[in-house]
Amino acid sequence: MNLYEQRSSNIRRTWALVLGFLVVVIAVGYVISWYYGNSFILYIAVFIALATNFYAYWQSDKLVLSMNHARLASREEFFDLYTVTENLAITAGLSKPKLYIIDDPAPNAFATGRDENHAVVCATTGLLAMLSRPELEGVIAHELSHIKNRDILLMTVAVVLAGFVAIVADIFLRTSLHGGSRSDSDGKANTLFIILAVVGIILAPIAAKLIQFAVSRRREFLADASGALLTRYPEGLASAL
């Protein structure tokens, strides 16, 4: 699979993930509304599914940055990061992504965002402190390749949707366990909620990991290859790794 085929594949997988999430949430809402004989529950499920997908697409990058306590990088403080990213973005034919910093001594970098025009590259202070400029070019080229190949959209949406399912399932589980029942029908409802919640809590992180494993090896290889093409110096990334 070449770079263009990988990009198209990532877009198809993202839409499949979004549609699959819609189907699952609406199906669960249908079962619950049928059980209670209340169609309003189904409408709520449809709204939740649509709202979550909207949030995952438009706001997932902000959520990821917030979870990692990232801050916007200033050009004055991180001049090399800015110049390296600007030069490589021009070479790759991309708009320069926003640059964020995580105050962490551990070396790490990642890209996030919904598309090429709304992308973010984030690096830790530990990474910037330990890399030479050629090594930094290799790492940034790798992350820009993820942006160009649309890897970031698929993985970010997968993590956000899986996290949402786990949170909702946890709420259902706690509500069912601590909300006593007065009748057999209430008891059956609680049992149903508990089963659905436990299944959701178990399957959500597994689903996210399966998606990650399904694309990670190939996407990392292609990002390495396309990153080497950007810098014309594969030794830089190899040294950084």
C-alpha atoms as a PDB file:
ATOM      1  CA  MET A   1       0.000   0.000   0.000  1.00  0.00           C
ATOM      2  CA  ASN A   2       1.469   3.369  -1.025  1.00  0.00           C
ATOM      3  CA  LEU A   3       1.042   6.712   0.740  1.00  0.00           C
ATOM      4  CA  TYR A   4      -2.003   7.762  -1.290  1.00  0.00           C
ATOM      5  CA  GLU A   5      -3.774   4.455  -0.711  1.00  0.00           C
ATOM      6  CA  GLN A   6      -3.013   4.684   3.024  1.00  0.00           C
ATOM      7  CA  ARG A   7      -4.502   8.165   3.189  1.00  0.00           C
ATOM      8  CA  SER A   8      -7.698   7.046   1.440  1.00  0.00           C
ATOM      9  CA  SER A   9      -7.860   3.983   3.685  1.00  0.00           C
ATOM     10  CA  ASN A  10      -7.596   6.122   6.824  1.00  0.00           C
ATOM     11  CA  ILE A  11     -10.429   8.362   5.654  1.00  0.00           C
ATOM     12  CA  ARG A  12     -12.646   5.334   4.939  1.00  0.00           C
ATOM     13  CA  ARG A  13     -11.824   3.803   8.317  1.00  0.00           C
ATOM     14  CA  THR A  14     -12.643   7.044  10.096  1.00  0.00           C
ATOM     15  CA  TRP A  15     -16.068   7.251   8.477  1.00  0.00           C
ATOM     16  CA  ALA A  16     -16.660   3.559   9.187  1.00  0.00           C
ATOM     17  CA  LEU A  17     -15.787   4.163  12.836  1.00  0.00           C
ATOM     18  CA  VAL A  18     -18.136   7.145  13.086  1.00  0.00           C
ATOM     19  CA  LEU A  19     -21.007   5.295  11.390  1.00  0.00           C
ATOM     20  CA  GLY A  20     -20.392   2.205  13.507  1.00  0.00           C
ATOM     21  CA  PHE A  21     -20.563   4.289  16.657  1.00  0.00           C
ATOM     22  CA  LEU A  22     -23.849   5.831  15.486  1.00  0.00           C
ATOM     23  CA  VAL A  23     -25.341   2.407  14.823  1.00  0.00           C
ATOM     24  CA  VAL A  24     -24.276   0.984  18.199  1.00  0.00           C
ATOM     25  CA  VAL A  25     -25.536   3.931  20.264  1.00  0.00           C
ATOM     26  CA  ILE A  26     -28.837   4.100  18.379  1.00  0.00           C
ATOM     27  CA  ALA A  27     -29.272   0.320  18.700  1.00  0.00           C
ATOM     28  CA  VAL A  28     -28.716   0.484  22.459  1.00  0.00           C
ATOM     29  CA  GLY A  29     -31.164   3.382  22.669  1.00  0.00           C
ATOM     30  CA  TYR A  30     -33.715   1.396  20.681  1.00  0.00           C
ATOM     31  CA  VAL A  31     -33.416  -1.617  23.004  1.00  0.00           C
ATOM     32  CA  ILE A  32     -33.819   0.530  26.112  1.00  0.00           C
ATOM     33  CA  SER A  33     -36.737   2.508  24.624  1.00  0.00           C
ATOM     34  CA  TRP A  34     -38.429  -0.744  23.583  1.00  0.00           C
ATOM     35  CA  TYR A  35     -37.921  -2.199  27.066  1.00  0.00           C
ATOM     36  CA  TYR A  36     -39.495   0.819  28.750  1.00  0.00           C
ATOM     37  CA  GLY A  37     -42.041   1.486  25.999  1.00  0.00           C
ATOM     38  CA  ASN A  38     -40.781   5.070  25.738  1.00  0.00           C
ATOM     39  CA  SER A  39     -39.668   6.270  22.295  1.00  0.00           C
ATOM     40  CA  PHE A  40     -38.208   9.459  23.799  1.00  0.00           C
ATOM     41  CA  ILE A  41     -35.203   7.415  24.963  1.00  0.00           C
ATOM     42  CA  LEU A  42     -34.436   6.566  21.336  1.00  0.00           C
ATOM     43  CA  TYR A  43     -34.469  10.254  20.410  1.00  0.00           C
ATOM     44  CA  ILE A  44     -32.036  10.941  23.238  1.00  0.00           C
ATOM     45  CA  ALA A  45     -29.748   8.152  21.982  1.00  0.00           C
ATOM     46  CA  VAL A  46     -29.760   9.604  18.458  1.00  0.00           C
ATOM     47  CA  PHE A  47     -28.933  13.058  19.827  1.00  0.00           C
ATOM     48  CA  ILE A  48     -26.104  11.688  21.990  1.00  0.00           C
ATOM     49  CA  ALA A  49     -24.628   9.749  19.065  1.00  0.00           C
ATOM     50  CA  LEU A  50     -24.697  12.757  16.747  1.00  0.00           C
ATOM     51  CA  ALA A  51     -23.385  15.155  19.402  1.00  0.00           C
ATOM     52  CA  THR A  52     -20.532  12.837  20.353  1.00  0.00           C
ATOM     53  CA  ASN A  53     -19.453  12.341  16.751  1.00  0.00           C
ATOM     54  CA  PHE A  54     -19.599  16.095  16.208  1.00  0.00           C
ATOM     55  CA  TYR A  55     -17.460  16.673  19.287  1.00  0.00           C
ATOM     56  CA  ALA A  56     -14.995  13.922  18.343  1.00  0.00           C
ATOM     57  CA  TYR A  57     -14.455  15.487  14.919  1.00  0.00           C
ATOM     58  CA  TRP A  58     -14.366  19.169  15.810  1.00  0.00           C
ATOM     59  CA  GLN A  59     -12.988  19.276  19.363  1.00  0.00           C
ATOM     60  CA  SER A  60     -10.936  16.109  19.842  1.00  0.00           C
ATOM     61  CA  ASP A  61      -7.611  17.920  19.405  1.00  0.00           C
ATOM     62  CA  LYS A  62      -8.470  20.341  22.212  1.00  0.00           C
ATOM     63  CA  LEU A  63      -9.417  17.429  24.457  1.00  0.00           C
ATOM     64  CA  VAL A  64      -6.131  15.623  23.772  1.00  0.00           C
ATOM     65  CA  LEU A  65      -4.093  18.773  24.448  1.00  0.00           C
ATOM     66  CA  SER A  66      -6.000  19.468  27.646  1.00  0.00           C
ATOM     67  CA  MET A  67      -5.506  15.916  28.905  1.00  0.00           C
ATOM     68  CA  ASN A  68      -1.749  16.278  28.385  1.00  0.00           C
ATOM     69  CA  HIS A  69      -1.586  19.784  29.939  1.00  0.00           C
ATOM     70  CA  ALA A  70      -0.060  21.152  26.750  1.00  0.00           C
ATOM     71  CA  ARG A  71       0.619  24.860  26.260  1.00  0.00           C
ATOM     72  CA  LEU A  72       1.067  26.898  23.100  1.00  0.00           C
ATOM     73  CA  ALA A  73       4.742  27.149  22.142  1.00  0.00           C
ATOM     74  CA  SER A  74       6.135  30.641  21.657  1.00  0.00           C
ATOM     75  CA  ARG A  75       8.449  31.314  18.722  1.00  0.00           C
ATOM     76  CA  GLU A  76      10.941  33.151  20.922  1.00  0.00           C
ATOM     77  CA  GLU A  77      11.314  30.289  23.389  1.00  0.00           C
ATOM     78  CA  PHE A  78      11.263  27.430  20.872  1.00  0.00           C
ATOM     79  CA  PHE A  79      12.828  28.997  17.788  1.00  0.00           C
ATOM     80  CA  ASP A  80      14.373  25.782  16.429  1.00  0.00           C
ATOM     81  CA  LEU A  81      11.059  23.942  16.708  1.00  0.00           C
ATOM     82  CA  TYR A  82       9.319  26.707  14.757  1.00  0.00           C
ATOM     83  CA  THR A  83      11.891  26.964  11.975  1.00  0.00           C
ATOM     84  CA  VAL A  84      12.200  23.198  11.555  1.00  0.00           C
ATOM     85  CA  THR A  85       8.416  22.782  11.394  1.00  0.00           C
ATOM     86  CA  GLU A  86       7.945  25.695   8.986  1.00  0.00           C
ATOM     87  CA  ASN A  87      10.616  24.442   6.578  1.00  0.00           C
ATOM     88  CA  LEU A  88       9.348  20.865   6.584  1.00  0.00           C
ATOM     89  CA  ALA A  89       5.706  21.940   6.241  1.00  0.00           C
ATOM     90  CA  ILE A  90       6.609  23.921   3.121  1.00  0.00           C
ATOM     91  CA  THR A  91       8.446  20.908   1.711  1.00  0.00           C
ATOM     92  CA  ALA A  92       5.471  18.645   2.461  1.00  0.00           C
ATOM     93  CA  GLY A  93       2.976  21.096   0.965  1.00  0.00           C
ATOM     94  CA  LEU A  94       1.175  21.520   4.285  1.00  0.00           C
ATOM     95  CA  SER A  95       0.014  24.514   6.261  1.00  0.00           C
ATOM     96  CA  LYS A  96       2.225  24.965   9.303  1.00  0.00           C
ATOM     97  CA  PRO A  97       0.533  23.196  12.212  1.00  0.00           C
ATOM     98  CA  LYS A  98       0.116  24.856  15.569  1.00  0.00           C
ATOM     99  CA  LEU A  99       2.907  23.975  17.957  1.00  0.00           C
ATOM    100  CA  TYR A 100       2.332  22.978  21.569  1.00  0.00           C
ATOM    101  CA  ILE A 101       4.689  22.069  24.387  1.00  0.00           C
ATOM    102  CA  ILE A 102       4.287  19.673  27.311  1.00  0.00           C
ATOM    103  CA  ASP A 103       6.502  20.365  30.312  1.00  0.00           C
ATOM    104  CA  ASP A 104       7.713  16.823  30.796  1.00  0.00           C
ATOM    105  CA  PRO A 105      11.284  15.472  30.942  1.00  0.00           C
ATOM    106  CA  ALA A 106      10.257  12.294  29.095  1.00  0.00           C
ATOM    107  CA  PRO A 107      10.969  12.452  25.336  1.00  0.00           C
ATOM    108  CA  ASN A 108       7.760  12.313  23.319  1.00  0.00           C
ATOM    109  CA  ALA A 109       6.000  13.952  20.390  1.00  0.00           C
ATOM    110  CA  PHE A 110       2.644  13.468  18.693  1.00  0.00           C
ATOM    111  CA  ALA A 111       0.326  15.055  16.162  1.00  0.00           C
ATOM    112  CA  THR A 112      -3.402  15.584  16.483  1.00  0.00           C
ATOM    113  CA  GLY A 113      -6.215  17.419  14.713  1.00  0.00           C
ATOM    114  CA  ARG A 114      -9.005  16.743  12.254  1.00  0.00           C
ATOM    115  CA  ASP A 115      -7.254  17.645   8.969  1.00  0.00           C
ATOM    116  CA  GLU A 116      -4.207  19.280   7.436  1.00  0.00           C
ATOM    117  CA  ASN A 117      -5.513  22.794   8.047  1.00  0.00           C
ATOM    118  CA  HIS A 118      -6.369  22.202  11.717  1.00  0.00           C
ATOM    119  CA  ALA A 119      -3.412  20.122  12.832  1.00  0.00           C
ATOM    120  CA  VAL A 120      -1.262  20.358  15.943  1.00  0.00           C
ATOM    121  CA  VAL A 121       2.214  19.031  16.638  1.00  0.00           C
ATOM    122  CA  CYS A 122       3.091  18.657  20.299  1.00  0.00           C
ATOM    123  CA  ALA A 123       6.499  17.896  21.811  1.00  0.00           C
ATOM    124  CA  THR A 124       7.790  17.561  25.345  1.00  0.00           C
ATOM    125  CA  THR A 125      10.506  19.786  26.746  1.00  0.00           C
ATOM    126  CA  GLY A 126      12.498  16.634  27.433  1.00  0.00           C
ATOM    127  CA  LEU A 127      12.486  15.728  23.743  1.00  0.00           C
ATOM    128  CA  LEU A 128      13.593  19.192  22.632  1.00  0.00           C
ATOM    129  CA  ALA A 129      16.384  19.256  25.204  1.00  0.00           C
ATOM    130  CA  MET A 130      17.945  15.991  24.077  1.00  0.00           C
ATOM    131  CA  LEU A 131      17.705  16.166  20.261  1.00  0.00           C
ATOM    132  CA  SER A 132      20.102  17.752  17.816  1.00  0.00           C
ATOM    133  CA  ARG A 133      18.610  19.746  14.941  1.00  0.00           C
ATOM    134  CA  PRO A 134      18.881  16.872  12.402  1.00  0.00           C
ATOM    135  CA  GLU A 135      17.218  14.540  14.914  1.00  0.00           C
ATOM    136  CA  LEU A 136      14.479  17.103  15.570  1.00  0.00           C
ATOM    137  CA  GLU A 137      13.912  17.392  11.821  1.00  0.00           C
ATOM    138  CA  GLY A 138      13.472  13.626  11.627  1.00  0.00           C
ATOM    139  CA  VAL A 139      10.915  13.556  14.448  1.00  0.00           C
ATOM    140  CA  ILE A 140       8.915  16.526  13.126  1.00  0.00           C
ATOM    141  CA  ALA A 141       8.958  15.089   9.591  1.00  0.00           C
ATOM    142  CA  HIS A 142       7.540  11.863  11.028  1.00  0.00           C
ATOM    143  CA  GLU A 143       4.692  13.742  12.744  1.00  0.00           C
ATOM    144  CA  LEU A 144       3.966  15.856   9.662  1.00  0.00           C
ATOM    145  CA  SER A 145       3.703  12.634   7.679  1.00  0.00           C
ATOM    146  CA  HIS A 146       1.019  11.427  10.083  1.00  0.00           C
ATOM    147  CA  ILE A 147      -0.857  14.664   9.370  1.00  0.00           C
ATOM    148  CA  LYS A 148      -0.522  14.318   5.610  1.00  0.00           C
ATOM    149  CA  ASN A 149      -1.579  10.670   5.676  1.00  0.00           C
ATOM    150  CA  ARG A 150      -4.658  11.469   7.823  1.00  0.00           C
ATOM    151  CA  ASP A 151      -3.493   9.079  10.547  1.00  0.00           C
ATOM    152  CA  ILE A 152      -4.253  11.625  13.256  1.00  0.00           C
ATOM    153  CA  LEU A 153      -7.962  11.906  12.501  1.00  0.00           C
ATOM    154  CA  LEU A 154      -8.583   8.167  12.723  1.00  0.00           C
ATOM    155  CA  MET A 155      -6.716   7.634  15.980  1.00  0.00           C
ATOM    156  CA  THR A 156      -8.025  10.762  17.712  1.00  0.00           C
ATOM    157  CA  VAL A 157     -11.648   9.984  16.859  1.00  0.00           C
ATOM    158  CA  ALA A 158     -11.188   6.366  17.976  1.00  0.00           C
ATOM    159  CA  VAL A 159      -9.804   7.390  21.367  1.00  0.00           C
ATOM    160  CA  VAL A 160     -12.497  10.026  21.985  1.00  0.00           C
ATOM    161  CA  LEU A 161     -15.396   7.744  21.035  1.00  0.00           C
ATOM    162  CA  ALA A 162     -14.045   4.838  23.067  1.00  0.00           C
ATOM    163  CA  GLY A 163     -13.528   7.135  26.038  1.00  0.00           C
ATOM    164  CA  PHE A 164     -17.081   8.440  25.739  1.00  0.00           C
ATOM    165  CA  VAL A 165     -18.526   4.923  25.690  1.00  0.00           C
ATOM    166  CA  ALA A 166     -16.499   3.982  28.767  1.00  0.00           C
ATOM    167  CA  ILE A 167     -17.646   7.094  30.668  1.00  0.00           C
ATOM    168  CA  VAL A 168     -21.331   6.574  29.835  1.00  0.00           C
ATOM    169  CA  ALA A 169     -21.069   2.887  30.702  1.00  0.00           C
ATOM    170  CA  ASP A 170     -19.485   3.745  34.050  1.00  0.00           C
ATOM    171  CA  ILE A 171     -22.323   6.193  34.792  1.00  0.00           C
ATOM    172  CA  PHE A 172     -24.913   3.528  33.944  1.00  0.00           C
ATOM    173  CA  LEU A 173     -23.132   0.995  36.134  1.00  0.00           C
ATOM    174  CA  ARG A 174     -22.931   3.297  39.153  1.00  0.00           C
ATOM    175  CA  THR A 175     -26.555   4.383  38.729  1.00  0.00           C
ATOM    176  CA  SER A 176     -27.770   0.802  38.466  1.00  0.00           C
ATOM    177  CA  LEU A 177     -25.758  -0.430  41.448  1.00  0.00           C
ATOM    178  CA  HIS A 178     -26.725   2.402  43.791  1.00  0.00           C
ATOM    179  CA  GLY A 179     -30.250   3.141  42.641  1.00  0.00           C
ATOM    180  CA  GLY A 180     -32.439   0.674  44.514  1.00  0.00           C
ATOM    181  CA  SER A 181     -35.467  -0.931  42.903  1.00  0.00           C
ATOM    182  CA  ARG A 182     -39.017  -1.210  44.168  1.00  0.00           C
ATOM    183  CA  SER A 183     -40.414  -3.827  41.801  1.00  0.00           C
ATOM    184  CA  ASP A 184     -39.434  -6.774  39.669  1.00  0.00           C
ATOM    185  CA  SER A 185     -39.546  -4.639  36.538  1.00  0.00           C
ATOM    186  CA  ASP A 186     -37.169  -2.127  38.138  1.00  0.00           C
ATOM    187  CA  GLY A 187     -34.886  -4.977  39.105  1.00  0.00           C
ATOM    188  CA  LYS A 188     -34.871  -6.295  35.548  1.00  0.00           C
ATOM    189  CA  ALA A 189     -34.101  -2.805  34.253  1.00  0.00           C
ATOM    190  CA  ASN A 190     -31.193  -2.477  36.659  1.00  0.00           C
ATOM    191  CA  THR A 191     -29.888  -5.859  35.548  1.00  0.00           C
ATOM    192  CA  LEU A 192     -30.110  -4.777  31.911  1.00  0.00           C
ATOM    193  CA  PHE A 193     -28.262  -1.541  32.653  1.00  0.00           C
ATOM    194  CA  ILE A 194     -25.569  -3.390  34.583  1.00  0.00           C
ATOM    195  CA  ILE A 195     -25.016  -5.860  31.738  1.00  0.00           C
ATOM    196  CA  LEU A 196     -24.847  -3.095  29.123  1.00  0.00           C
ATOM    197  CA  ALA A 197     -22.551  -1.012  31.311  1.00  0.00           C
ATOM    198  CA  VAL A 198     -20.131  -3.849  32.016  1.00  0.00           C
ATOM    199  CA  VAL A 199     -20.020  -4.769  28.326  1.00  0.00           C
ATOM    200  CA  GLY A 200     -19.375  -1.134  27.413  1.00  0.00           C
ATOM    201  CA  ILE A 201     -16.625  -0.693  29.996  1.00  0.00           C
ATOM    202  CA  ILE A 202     -14.886  -3.869  28.816  1.00  0.00           C
ATOM    203  CA  LEU A 203     -15.289  -3.418  25.072  1.00  0.00           C
ATOM    204  CA  ALA A 204     -14.601   0.329  24.731  1.00  0.00           C
ATOM    205  CA  PRO A 205     -10.864   0.245  25.529  1.00  0.00           C
ATOM    206  CA  ILE A 206     -10.476  -3.068  23.699  1.00  0.00           C
ATOM    207  CA  ALA A 207     -12.066  -1.585  20.587  1.00  0.00           C
ATOM    208  CA  ALA A 208      -9.764   1.435  20.748  1.00  0.00           C
ATOM    209  CA  LYS A 209      -6.720  -0.821  21.084  1.00  0.00           C
ATOM    210  CA  LEU A 210      -7.833  -3.059  18.219  1.00  0.00           C
ATOM    211  CA  ILE A 211      -8.202  -0.041  15.953  1.00  0.00           C
ATOM    212  CA  GLN A 212      -4.788   1.192  17.033  1.00  0.00           C
ATOM    213  CA  PHE A 213      -3.144  -2.187  16.436  1.00  0.00           C
ATOM    214  CA  ALA A 214      -4.865  -2.535  13.074  1.00  0.00           C
ATOM    215  CA  VAL A 215      -3.261   0.596  11.671  1.00  0.00           C
ATOM    216  CA  SER A 216      -0.287   1.411  13.911  1.00  0.00           C
ATOM    217  CA  ARG A 217       2.401  -0.806  12.381  1.00  0.00           C
ATOM    218  CA  ARG A 218       1.650   0.149   8.803  1.00  0.00           C
ATOM    219  CA  ARG A 219       1.081   3.824   9.541  1.00  0.00           C
ATOM    220  CA  GLU A 220       4.298   4.112  11.552  1.00  0.00           C
ATOM    221  CA  PHE A 221       6.268   2.484   8.750  1.00  0.00           C
ATOM    222  CA  LEU A 222       4.751   4.813   6.157  1.00  0.00           C
ATOM    223  CA  ALA A 223       5.323   7.837   8.400  1.00  0.00           C
ATOM    224  CA  ASP A 224       8.978   6.841   8.759  1.00  0.00           C
ATOM    225  CA  ALA A 225       9.313   6.405   5.001  1.00  0.00           C
ATOM    226  CA  SER A 226       7.580   9.645   4.050  1.00  0.00           C
ATOM    227  CA  GLY A 227       9.415  11.495   6.832  1.00  0.00           C
ATOM    228  CA  ALA A 228      12.727  10.322   5.401  1.00  0.00           C
ATOM    229  CA  LEU A 229      11.650  11.632   1.999  1.00  0.00           C
ATOM    230  CA  LEU A 230      10.924  15.030   3.539  1.00  0.00           C
ATOM    231  CA  THR A 231      14.285  15.461   5.226  1.00  0.00           C
ATOM    232  CA  ARG A 232      16.393  13.486   2.726  1.00  0.00           C
ATOM    233  CA  TYR A 233      18.280  12.392   5.829  1.00  0.00           C
ATOM    234  CA  PRO A 234      16.801   9.223   7.355  1.00  0.00           C
ATOM    235  CA  GLU A 235      19.717   8.997   9.772  1.00  0.00           C
ATOM    236  CA  GLY A 236      18.224  11.900  11.727  1.00  0.00           C
ATOM    237  CA  LEU A 237      15.066  10.012  12.680  1.00  0.00           C
ATOM    238  CA  ALA A 238      17.007   6.786  13.207  1.00  0.00           C
ATOM    239  CA  SER A 239      19.323   8.573  15.645  1.00  0.00           C
ATOM    240  CA  ALA A 240      16.387  10.157  17.492  1.00  0.00           C
ATOM    241  CA  LEU A 241      14.759   6.761  17.949  1.00  0.00           C
END
